[in-house]
Amino acid sequence: MNRQKKLSAETEFKIEFYDVDLADVVWHGNYVKFFEVARRVLLDKIGYGYMEMKDSGYAFPVTALSVKYMHPLRYGDRVRARAVLDEYENCIKIRYELYNAATGEKATKGESSQMAFDIASGESCFTCPAVFVDKVRALLAGGNES
């Protein structure tokens, strides 16, 4: 089976009091924030975090987002957040998985799409800029795969 190489990154964090509702369950909107934490770690691994994007003249607004809630996370839980880069040439498409780090149970999954936007011209780009694509390809060629 020919499996396409993909970049991924993981991080862990603790569910804080300000993330939960009155039932000590993470409020549904905070899962998107947790995706963002994993996305930032992945982009930093690529060497194209938010400051590098801005410095290269591009922004990448989110154009689509989906979330599937499977099992609740609660106050005090440790979370293992994983982000996988599924597409990088035409847009940035990232798949997310959130796990209860203690039990290994998958709590939430989802994905986001982001489109490149040229800051100077104000135009949308229908492919990702070479500066980003080249960084991804260099990491994939170096064996940093999922």
C-alpha atoms as a PDB file:
ATOM      1  CA  MET A   1       0.000   0.000   0.000  1.00  0.00           C
ATOM      2  CA  ASN A   2       1.408   3.405  -0.995  1.00  0.00           C
ATOM      3  CA  ARG A   3       0.750   5.656   1.966  1.00  0.00           C
ATOM      4  CA  GLN A   4       1.210   9.384   1.441  1.00  0.00           C
ATOM      5  CA  LYS A   5       3.535  11.011   3.967  1.00  0.00           C
ATOM      6  CA  LYS A   6       1.933  13.651   6.167  1.00  0.00           C
ATOM      7  CA  LEU A   7       3.281  16.066   8.733  1.00  0.00           C
ATOM      8  CA  SER A   8       1.845  15.947  12.231  1.00  0.00           C
ATOM      9  CA  ALA A   9       2.477  17.442  15.646  1.00  0.00           C
ATOM     10  CA  GLU A  10       1.220  16.779  19.158  1.00  0.00           C
ATOM     11  CA  THR A  11       1.033  18.702  22.387  1.00  0.00           C
ATOM     12  CA  GLU A  12      -0.465  18.147  25.841  1.00  0.00           C
ATOM     13  CA  PHE A  13      -2.248  20.536  28.160  1.00  0.00           C
ATOM     14  CA  LYS A  14      -4.570  20.501  31.165  1.00  0.00           C
ATOM     15  CA  ILE A  15      -8.241  21.516  31.085  1.00  0.00           C
ATOM     16  CA  GLU A  16      -8.522  24.638  33.203  1.00  0.00           C
ATOM     17  CA  PHE A  17     -11.489  25.881  35.216  1.00  0.00           C
ATOM     18  CA  TYR A  18     -12.212  28.668  32.709  1.00  0.00           C
ATOM     19  CA  ASP A  19     -12.690  26.047  29.944  1.00  0.00           C
ATOM     20  CA  VAL A  20     -15.654  24.274  31.565  1.00  0.00           C
ATOM     21  CA  ASP A  21     -19.334  24.911  32.138  1.00  0.00           C
ATOM     22  CA  LEU A  22     -21.346  24.441  35.358  1.00  0.00           C
ATOM     23  CA  ALA A  23     -21.219  20.643  34.935  1.00  0.00           C
ATOM     24  CA  ASP A  24     -17.379  20.717  34.813  1.00  0.00           C
ATOM     25  CA  VAL A  25     -17.523  19.657  31.134  1.00  0.00           C
ATOM     26  CA  VAL A  26     -15.566  21.610  28.519  1.00  0.00           C
ATOM     27  CA  TRP A  27     -17.839  24.164  26.856  1.00  0.00           C
ATOM     28  CA  HIS A  28     -18.309  23.145  23.196  1.00  0.00           C
ATOM     29  CA  GLY A  29     -16.738  26.311  21.749  1.00  0.00           C
ATOM     30  CA  ASN A  30     -13.467  25.706  23.560  1.00  0.00           C
ATOM     31  CA  TYR A  31     -12.732  22.630  21.463  1.00  0.00           C
ATOM     32  CA  VAL A  32     -12.035  25.003  18.553  1.00  0.00           C
ATOM     33  CA  LYS A  33      -9.529  26.799  20.796  1.00  0.00           C
ATOM     34  CA  PHE A  34      -7.875  23.447  21.505  1.00  0.00           C
ATOM     35  CA  PHE A  35      -7.645  22.781  17.751  1.00  0.00           C
ATOM     36  CA  GLU A  36      -5.903  26.142  17.472  1.00  0.00           C
ATOM     37  CA  VAL A  37      -3.337  25.086  20.086  1.00  0.00           C
ATOM     38  CA  ALA A  38      -2.525  21.957  18.043  1.00  0.00           C
ATOM     39  CA  ARG A  39      -2.488  23.935  14.772  1.00  0.00           C
ATOM     40  CA  ARG A  40       0.011  26.424  16.199  1.00  0.00           C
ATOM     41  CA  VAL A  41       2.341  23.594  17.269  1.00  0.00           C
ATOM     42  CA  LEU A  42       2.141  22.071  13.771  1.00  0.00           C
ATOM     43  CA  LEU A  43       2.804  25.393  12.019  1.00  0.00           C
ATOM     44  CA  ASP A  44       5.731  26.099  14.349  1.00  0.00           C
ATOM     45  CA  LYS A  45       7.158  22.658  13.498  1.00  0.00           C
ATOM     46  CA  ILE A  46       6.920  23.595   9.808  1.00  0.00           C
ATOM     47  CA  GLY A  47       8.678  26.904  10.539  1.00  0.00           C
ATOM     48  CA  TYR A  48       5.747  28.933   9.256  1.00  0.00           C
ATOM     49  CA  GLY A  49       3.909  30.144  12.338  1.00  0.00           C
ATOM     50  CA  TYR A  50       1.723  33.232  12.440  1.00  0.00           C
ATOM     51  CA  MET A  51       4.602  35.739  12.573  1.00  0.00           C
ATOM     52  CA  GLU A  52       6.363  34.026   9.650  1.00  0.00           C
ATOM     53  CA  MET A  53       3.101  34.127   7.689  1.00  0.00           C
ATOM     54  CA  LYS A  54       2.694  37.826   8.314  1.00  0.00           C
ATOM     55  CA  ASP A  55       6.357  38.564   7.602  1.00  0.00           C
ATOM     56  CA  SER A  56       6.074  36.742   4.257  1.00  0.00           C
ATOM     57  CA  GLY A  57       3.027  38.840   3.325  1.00  0.00           C
ATOM     58  CA  TYR A  58       0.275  36.276   3.798  1.00  0.00           C
ATOM     59  CA  ALA A  59      -2.581  35.563   6.152  1.00  0.00           C
ATOM     60  CA  PHE A  60      -4.543  32.310   6.221  1.00  0.00           C
ATOM     61  CA  PRO A  61      -8.112  32.864   7.443  1.00  0.00           C
ATOM     62  CA  VAL A  62     -10.161  29.795   8.319  1.00  0.00           C
ATOM     63  CA  THR A  63     -12.697  29.124   5.557  1.00  0.00           C
ATOM     64  CA  ALA A  64     -14.269  25.907   6.890  1.00  0.00           C
ATOM     65  CA  LEU A  65     -14.382  24.108  10.213  1.00  0.00           C
ATOM     66  CA  SER A  66     -15.990  20.887  11.410  1.00  0.00           C
ATOM     67  CA  VAL A  67     -16.095  19.372  14.883  1.00  0.00           C
ATOM     68  CA  LYS A  68     -17.308  15.943  16.015  1.00  0.00           C
ATOM     69  CA  TYR A  69     -17.830  15.626  19.768  1.00  0.00           C
ATOM     70  CA  MET A  70     -17.392  12.045  20.941  1.00  0.00           C
ATOM     71  CA  HIS A  71     -16.622  11.995  24.684  1.00  0.00           C
ATOM     72  CA  PRO A  72     -16.546  14.912  27.110  1.00  0.00           C
ATOM     73  CA  LEU A  73     -13.402  16.389  28.555  1.00  0.00           C
ATOM     74  CA  ARG A  74     -13.662  17.657  32.115  1.00  0.00           C
ATOM     75  CA  TYR A  75     -11.944  20.063  34.455  1.00  0.00           C
ATOM     76  CA  GLY A  76      -8.478  18.752  35.364  1.00  0.00           C
ATOM     77  CA  ASP A  77      -8.198  16.272  32.475  1.00  0.00           C
ATOM     78  CA  ARG A  78      -4.912  16.153  30.584  1.00  0.00           C
ATOM     79  CA  VAL A  79      -5.475  16.427  26.841  1.00  0.00           C
ATOM     80  CA  ARG A  80      -3.258  15.143  24.050  1.00  0.00           C
ATOM     81  CA  ALA A  81      -3.964  17.228  20.951  1.00  0.00           C
ATOM     82  CA  ARG A  82      -2.809  16.026  17.533  1.00  0.00           C
ATOM     83  CA  ALA A  83      -2.836  17.995  14.272  1.00  0.00           C
ATOM     84  CA  VAL A  84      -2.174  16.391  10.863  1.00  0.00           C
ATOM     85  CA  LEU A  85      -1.536  18.397   7.705  1.00  0.00           C
ATOM     86  CA  ASP A  86      -3.767  16.785   5.066  1.00  0.00           C
ATOM     87  CA  GLU A  87      -3.389  19.435   2.291  1.00  0.00           C
ATOM     88  CA  TYR A  88      -0.822  22.180   1.746  1.00  0.00           C
ATOM     89  CA  GLU A  89      -0.630  23.015  -1.970  1.00  0.00           C
ATOM     90  CA  ASN A  90      -4.021  24.605  -2.705  1.00  0.00           C
ATOM     91  CA  CYS A  91      -5.074  25.401   0.855  1.00  0.00           C
ATOM     92  CA  ILE A  92      -4.108  24.413   4.373  1.00  0.00           C
ATOM     93  CA  LYS A  93      -6.310  21.539   5.518  1.00  0.00           C
ATOM     94  CA  ILE A  94      -5.619  20.203   8.996  1.00  0.00           C
ATOM     95  CA  ARG A  95      -7.221  17.247  10.771  1.00  0.00           C
ATOM     96  CA  TYR A  96      -7.430  17.309  14.582  1.00  0.00           C
ATOM     97  CA  GLU A  97      -7.788  14.654  17.256  1.00  0.00           C
ATOM     98  CA  LEU A  98      -8.159  15.370  20.975  1.00  0.00           C
ATOM     99  CA  TYR A  99      -7.597  12.544  23.443  1.00  0.00           C
ATOM    100  CA  ASN A 100      -7.952  12.161  27.187  1.00  0.00           C
ATOM    101  CA  ALA A 101      -4.245  11.623  27.909  1.00  0.00           C
ATOM    102  CA  ALA A 102      -4.905   9.439  30.969  1.00  0.00           C
ATOM    103  CA  THR A 103      -7.372   7.024  29.352  1.00  0.00           C
ATOM    104  CA  GLY A 104      -6.382   7.292  25.677  1.00  0.00           C
ATOM    105  CA  GLU A 105     -10.048   7.808  24.771  1.00  0.00           C
ATOM    106  CA  LYS A 106     -10.646   9.997  21.705  1.00  0.00           C
ATOM    107  CA  ALA A 107     -12.773  12.911  22.862  1.00  0.00           C
ATOM    108  CA  THR A 108     -13.139  15.053  19.757  1.00  0.00           C
ATOM    109  CA  LYS A 109     -12.080  15.159  16.146  1.00  0.00           C
ATOM    110  CA  GLY A 110     -12.402  17.725  13.411  1.00  0.00           C
ATOM    111  CA  GLU A 111     -10.793  19.555  10.559  1.00  0.00           C
ATOM    112  CA  SER A 112     -10.215  23.054   9.300  1.00  0.00           C
ATOM    113  CA  SER A 113      -9.424  24.623   5.938  1.00  0.00           C
ATOM    114  CA  GLN A 114      -7.543  27.877   5.475  1.00  0.00           C
ATOM    115  CA  MET A 115      -6.999  29.861   2.293  1.00  0.00           C
ATOM    116  CA  ALA A 116      -3.998  32.072   1.614  1.00  0.00           C
ATOM    117  CA  PHE A 117      -4.650  35.798   1.426  1.00  0.00           C
ATOM    118  CA  ASP A 118      -2.092  38.264   0.061  1.00  0.00           C
ATOM    119  CA  ILE A 119      -1.987  41.043   2.665  1.00  0.00           C
ATOM    120  CA  ALA A 120      -0.559  43.738   0.351  1.00  0.00           C
ATOM    121  CA  SER A 121      -2.958  43.241  -2.560  1.00  0.00           C
ATOM    122  CA  GLY A 122      -5.981  42.136  -0.538  1.00  0.00           C
ATOM    123  CA  GLU A 123      -6.458  39.226  -2.953  1.00  0.00           C
ATOM    124  CA  SER A 124      -7.262  35.614  -2.167  1.00  0.00           C
ATOM    125  CA  CYS A 125      -4.723  33.092  -3.442  1.00  0.00           C
ATOM    126  CA  PHE A 126      -5.943  29.886  -5.013  1.00  0.00           C
ATOM    127  CA  THR A 127      -2.716  28.079  -4.195  1.00  0.00           C
ATOM    128  CA  CYS A 128      -0.515  28.288  -1.128  1.00  0.00           C
ATOM    129  CA  PRO A 129       2.546  30.519  -1.463  1.00  0.00           C
ATOM    130  CA  ALA A 130       5.806  28.822  -2.398  1.00  0.00           C
ATOM    131  CA  VAL A 131       7.415  29.876   0.898  1.00  0.00           C
ATOM    132  CA  PHE A 132       4.977  27.608   2.775  1.00  0.00           C
ATOM    133  CA  VAL A 133       4.881  24.747   0.259  1.00  0.00           C
ATOM    134  CA  ASP A 134       8.695  24.628   0.111  1.00  0.00           C
ATOM    135  CA  LYS A 135       8.953  24.375   3.911  1.00  0.00           C
ATOM    136  CA  VAL A 136       6.448  21.485   4.007  1.00  0.00           C
ATOM    137  CA  ARG A 137       8.185  19.646   1.163  1.00  0.00           C
ATOM    138  CA  ALA A 138      11.581  20.065   2.847  1.00  0.00           C
ATOM    139  CA  LEU A 139      10.269  18.515   6.082  1.00  0.00           C
ATOM    140  CA  LEU A 140       8.582  15.665   4.214  1.00  0.00           C
ATOM    141  CA  ALA A 141      11.784  14.954   2.288  1.00  0.00           C
ATOM    142  CA  GLY A 142      13.663  14.852   5.588  1.00  0.00           C
ATOM    143  CA  GLY A 143      11.480  12.028   6.890  1.00  0.00           C
ATOM    144  CA  ASN A 144       9.351  14.036   9.356  1.00  0.00           C
ATOM    145  CA  GLU A 145       6.174  12.182   8.571  1.00  0.00           C
ATOM    146  CA  SER A 146       3.139  10.827  10.317  1.00  0.00           C
END
